[in-house]
Amino acid sequence: IKAVFLGASITNFWGGDGKQLWDSYYVGKGASNYGIPGDSTSNVLWRIQNKEMDGLNPKVFVFSCGAGYNSLHNPDPKVDPKTQPSGPEVLRGLEEIIKELRSKFTVSKVIVIGHTPYHDDDRRKDVSEVSKQINVELKKFADEKDVFFLDLTPHLVDSKGQQLPGLFKDGLHFTLEGYKVWHQVMNPLFERLMK
């Protein structure tokens, strides 16, 4: 395993909507998908701390977690939105994950994918705004030596900040076209770090 994709459903669905691209490119690069739908930042941190990836020595981790349902929004109408984690709490979780990866996998590089634009008319109209604020702070964790930050948002929205048609299937998760955008933006850095 030379590259580990780690995170929640957006990561996991490389094996679903993004499967064509995953199979044609990432499988040949030795990539393995450790995304679990619904995982929060605390879930991902627990997995790293509790030996799920022990014994691996990947060149690169590609990490995406915290946007949408899994951390900033719960679609269950019985759940009070006020009990959801705040932006600073999600950011702290992301920071801890980055620290844990760097501590356990000292030679591996980490590509952190910023929160992507999320659209939900019904419950939490502020999620994308919170995600934008998280991205501003998350970028500060990147030293461009061992940790790298990629913000896909400018490539996924129009001039008014609205999601581009055809890239999202449900306001949060990508279609194959959305995964193609992720791939195109990340590919030069990924190729460089995989050498």
Protein backbone atom coordinates (compact mmCIF):
# COMPACT_ATOMS: atom_id res chain seq x y z
CA ILE A 1 0.00 0.00 0.00
CA LYS A 2 1.69 3.16 -1.20
CA ALA A 3 -1.16 5.64 -0.68
CA VAL A 4 -3.96 5.64 1.90
CA PHE A 5 -7.16 7.58 1.36
CA LEU A 6 -8.58 8.23 4.83
CA GLY A 7 -11.84 9.82 5.91
CA ALA A 8 -15.61 9.55 5.70
CA SER A 9 -18.15 8.96 2.91
CA ILE A 10 -16.67 11.38 0.38
CA THR A 11 -13.47 9.35 0.62
CA ASN A 12 -15.27 6.01 0.69
CA PHE A 13 -17.28 6.79 -2.45
CA TRP A 14 -14.13 6.76 -4.56
CA GLY A 15 -15.15 3.10 -4.60
CA GLY A 16 -18.68 3.99 -5.72
CA ASP A 17 -19.30 7.03 -7.92
CA GLY A 18 -15.56 7.50 -8.39
CA LYS A 19 -14.83 3.81 -9.03
CA GLN A 20 -14.08 4.16 -12.74
CA LEU A 21 -11.33 6.69 -12.03
CA TRP A 22 -10.16 4.85 -8.91
CA ASP A 23 -9.75 1.59 -10.82
CA SER A 24 -8.10 3.16 -13.84
CA TYR A 25 -5.60 5.32 -11.94
CA TYR A 26 -5.32 4.91 -8.17
CA VAL A 27 -5.33 1.11 -7.99
CA GLY A 28 -2.24 1.07 -10.20
CA LYS A 29 -0.57 3.53 -7.84
CA GLY A 30 -0.99 1.17 -4.89
CA ALA A 31 -3.77 3.18 -3.25
CA SER A 32 -6.07 1.75 -0.59
CA ASN A 33 -9.35 3.30 0.57
CA TYR A 34 -9.86 3.65 4.33
CA GLY A 35 -12.95 5.85 4.08
CA ILE A 36 -15.99 4.93 6.18
CA PRO A 37 -19.36 6.62 5.53
CA GLY A 38 -20.54 8.65 8.50
CA ASP A 39 -17.17 8.77 10.26
CA SER A 40 -16.59 11.90 12.27
CA THR A 41 -13.20 13.38 13.00
CA SER A 42 -13.24 11.59 16.38
CA ASN A 43 -13.95 8.26 14.65
CA VAL A 44 -11.03 8.73 12.26
CA LEU A 45 -8.73 9.73 15.12
CA TRP A 46 -9.79 6.63 17.07
CA ARG A 47 -9.02 4.40 14.10
CA ILE A 48 -5.50 5.82 13.77
CA GLN A 49 -4.84 5.53 17.52
CA ASN A 50 -6.23 2.00 17.73
CA LYS A 51 -3.93 0.30 15.23
CA GLU A 52 -6.14 0.13 12.14
CA MET A 53 -3.23 1.20 9.96
CA ASP A 54 -0.34 -0.08 12.03
CA GLY A 55 2.18 -1.91 9.87
CA LEU A 56 1.52 0.29 6.85
CA ASN A 57 4.18 2.58 5.45
CA PRO A 58 2.50 4.61 2.71
CA LYS A 59 4.23 7.41 0.90
CA VAL A 60 1.07 9.52 1.04
CA PHE A 61 -2.09 9.89 3.10
CA VAL A 62 -4.98 11.68 1.39
CA PHE A 63 -7.26 12.83 4.18
CA SER A 64 -10.81 14.21 3.87
CA CYS A 65 -13.25 14.38 6.78
CA GLY A 66 -15.51 16.70 8.70
CA ALA A 67 -17.85 18.31 6.19
CA GLY A 68 -21.57 17.70 5.84
CA TYR A 69 -23.46 15.05 7.71
CA ASN A 70 -20.66 13.41 9.62
CA SER A 71 -19.56 16.36 11.72
CA LEU A 72 -21.38 19.57 10.99
CA HIS A 73 -24.86 18.24 10.30
CA ASN A 74 -27.09 15.36 11.28
CA PRO A 75 -30.07 14.71 8.98
CA ASP A 76 -32.14 13.11 11.76
CA PRO A 77 -34.96 15.59 12.56
CA LYS A 78 -34.91 14.39 16.19
CA VAL A 79 -31.35 15.66 16.64
CA ASP A 80 -31.09 19.28 17.76
CA PRO A 81 -28.72 21.10 15.35
CA LYS A 82 -27.37 23.01 18.36
CA THR A 83 -25.82 19.78 19.66
CA GLN A 84 -23.72 19.35 16.53
CA PRO A 85 -19.98 20.07 16.77
CA SER A 86 -18.96 23.67 16.20
CA GLY A 87 -16.47 24.75 13.55
CA PRO A 88 -13.66 25.11 16.13
CA GLU A 89 -14.42 21.63 17.50
CA VAL A 90 -14.23 20.07 14.03
CA LEU A 91 -11.04 22.01 13.34
CA ARG A 92 -9.51 20.68 16.55
CA GLY A 93 -10.40 17.14 15.48
CA LEU A 94 -8.75 17.69 12.10
CA GLU A 95 -5.64 19.09 13.78
CA GLU A 96 -5.40 16.07 16.07
CA ILE A 97 -5.71 13.70 13.10
CA ILE A 98 -2.89 15.49 11.28
CA LYS A 99 -0.70 15.37 14.41
CA GLU A 100 -1.42 11.68 14.93
CA LEU A 101 -0.61 10.81 11.31
CA ARG A 102 2.65 12.75 11.47
CA SER A 103 3.56 11.11 14.77
CA LYS A 104 2.85 7.51 13.70
CA PHE A 105 3.92 7.78 10.06
CA THR A 106 6.92 10.07 10.19
CA VAL A 107 8.06 9.60 6.58
CA SER A 108 4.59 9.72 5.03
CA LYS A 109 3.30 12.92 3.49
CA VAL A 110 -0.25 14.11 4.22
CA ILE A 111 -2.53 15.77 1.69
CA VAL A 112 -5.41 17.40 3.55
CA ILE A 113 -8.48 18.00 1.41
CA GLY A 114 -10.35 21.07 2.59
CA HIS A 115 -14.06 20.98 3.27
CA THR A 116 -16.00 21.05 0.04
CA PRO A 117 -19.15 23.14 -0.57
CA TYR A 118 -22.22 21.61 1.01
CA HIS A 119 -25.80 22.51 0.15
CA ASP A 120 -28.76 21.73 2.38
CA ASP A 121 -31.93 23.80 2.08
CA ASP A 122 -33.79 22.12 4.90
CA ARG A 123 -31.77 22.22 8.09
CA ARG A 124 -28.37 23.88 8.24
CA LYS A 125 -27.89 26.66 5.72
CA ASP A 126 -24.69 27.74 7.47
CA VAL A 127 -22.66 24.56 6.97
CA SER A 128 -20.77 25.79 3.91
CA GLU A 129 -19.96 29.08 5.65
CA VAL A 130 -18.58 27.20 8.66
CA SER A 131 -16.60 24.97 6.31
CA LYS A 132 -15.08 28.02 4.61
CA GLN A 133 -13.90 29.29 8.00
CA ILE A 134 -12.49 25.86 8.85
CA ASN A 135 -10.57 25.81 5.55
CA VAL A 136 -8.94 29.18 6.30
CA GLU A 137 -7.60 27.79 9.58
CA LEU A 138 -6.90 24.30 8.23
CA LYS A 139 -4.61 25.72 5.58
CA LYS A 140 -2.37 27.04 8.36
CA PHE A 141 -1.50 23.46 9.39
CA ALA A 142 0.15 22.85 6.02
CA ASP A 143 3.91 23.35 6.06
CA GLU A 144 4.20 22.41 2.34
CA LYS A 145 6.93 19.99 3.34
CA ASP A 146 5.15 17.12 5.09
CA VAL A 147 1.56 18.40 5.20
CA PHE A 148 -0.17 19.89 2.17
CA PHE A 149 -3.59 21.54 1.94
CA LEU A 150 -5.83 21.42 -1.14
CA ASP A 151 -8.97 23.52 -1.41
CA LEU A 152 -11.19 22.01 -4.10
CA THR A 153 -13.98 24.57 -3.60
CA PRO A 154 -12.90 27.09 -6.27
CA HIS A 155 -13.08 24.26 -8.83
CA LEU A 156 -16.53 23.09 -7.69
CA VAL A 157 -18.52 26.33 -7.61
CA ASP A 158 -19.49 29.14 -9.97
CA SER A 159 -18.76 32.86 -9.53
CA LYS A 160 -21.69 33.14 -7.09
CA GLY A 161 -20.46 30.27 -4.95
CA GLN A 162 -23.14 27.84 -6.13
CA GLN A 163 -22.26 24.22 -6.79
CA LEU A 164 -21.51 23.59 -10.44
CA PRO A 165 -24.09 21.32 -12.10
CA GLY A 166 -23.15 17.69 -12.56
CA LEU A 167 -20.46 17.57 -9.86
CA PHE A 168 -22.66 16.68 -6.87
CA LYS A 169 -25.36 14.04 -6.58
CA ASP A 170 -27.03 15.15 -3.35
CA GLY A 171 -25.59 18.48 -2.26
CA LEU A 172 -22.64 16.85 -0.50
CA HIS A 173 -21.30 13.76 -2.29
CA PHE A 174 -19.58 13.84 -5.68
CA THR A 175 -20.60 12.31 -8.96
CA LEU A 176 -17.89 10.78 -11.14
CA GLU A 177 -17.42 14.24 -12.66
CA GLY A 178 -16.82 15.63 -9.17
CA TYR A 179 -14.19 12.99 -8.50
CA LYS A 180 -12.55 13.90 -11.79
CA VAL A 181 -12.21 17.47 -10.52
CA TRP A 182 -10.65 16.22 -7.27
CA HIS A 183 -8.24 14.06 -9.28
CA GLN A 184 -7.27 16.87 -11.67
CA VAL A 185 -6.59 19.34 -8.86
CA MET A 186 -4.67 16.87 -6.71
CA ASN A 187 -2.80 14.93 -9.39
CA PRO A 188 0.34 17.10 -9.82
CA LEU A 189 0.99 17.10 -6.05
CA PHE A 190 0.08 13.43 -5.66
CA GLU A 191 2.43 12.40 -8.45
CA ARG A 192 5.27 14.44 -6.97
CA LEU A 193 4.84 12.97 -3.49
CA MET A 194 4.53 9.42 -4.76
CA LYS A 195 8.00 9.50 -6.38
